[in-house]
Amino acid sequence: MSEVFFYHLTQTPLEVALPKILERALSANWLIEVRANVNTNLEDMSNSIWKGSEESFLPNCLENHQDVQDYPIVLSNSPLKKLRDCLIVVDQAELQENDVESHKRVCLIFDAKNEAQLSNARKSWKSLSEAGVNTVYWAESQGKWYSCLLYTSPSPRDKRQSRMPSS
């Protein structure tokens, strides 16, 4: 079973954060699917990635490109037929039931300023955590990402239901 990373955008817009996350996934030699909701303009997203910093090269294409197998990053509005190593979910795209088991890593990126994205991320965190999936929360601070330990119910402070040893 893969792990699921939750990236909570509090300062950086998606257009800036996504290329950095893509660089990290590419450094693991993974093939990546970036899945956005059906209302997201994938061409704009692709152009934004292509125009990224001069230090990085992030070759990408849209899901309907004839040579999709030649690109390490594919942007889609629905699940790809051929699975990739890493799935990055943005703009509240739908996470399919088997996505977690089918990928080495799933990344959910959500914007703190968007209440619907925040609510959706909370629901996903709760359901995945309760299902025993390894979830990691990443928060940004001053342009850097930090993993944080988040507890879901039951809380370690609740000694009646806690998984922590009693003192």
Foldseek 3Di string as FASTA:
>chain_A
DAAEEEEEDEDDDCLQPVLVVQVVCVVVVWQEEEEAAPPDDVVVSQVSNCPDDPVDHQDEEELPDPVRVVHSYYYYNDDHPDDIQEYEYEHPRDDDPCNRVRHNYYYYYAYPVDPVRVVVVVVVVQVCVVVVHHYWYWYDDPHDIDTDDDDDPPDCVPVVPHPDDDD
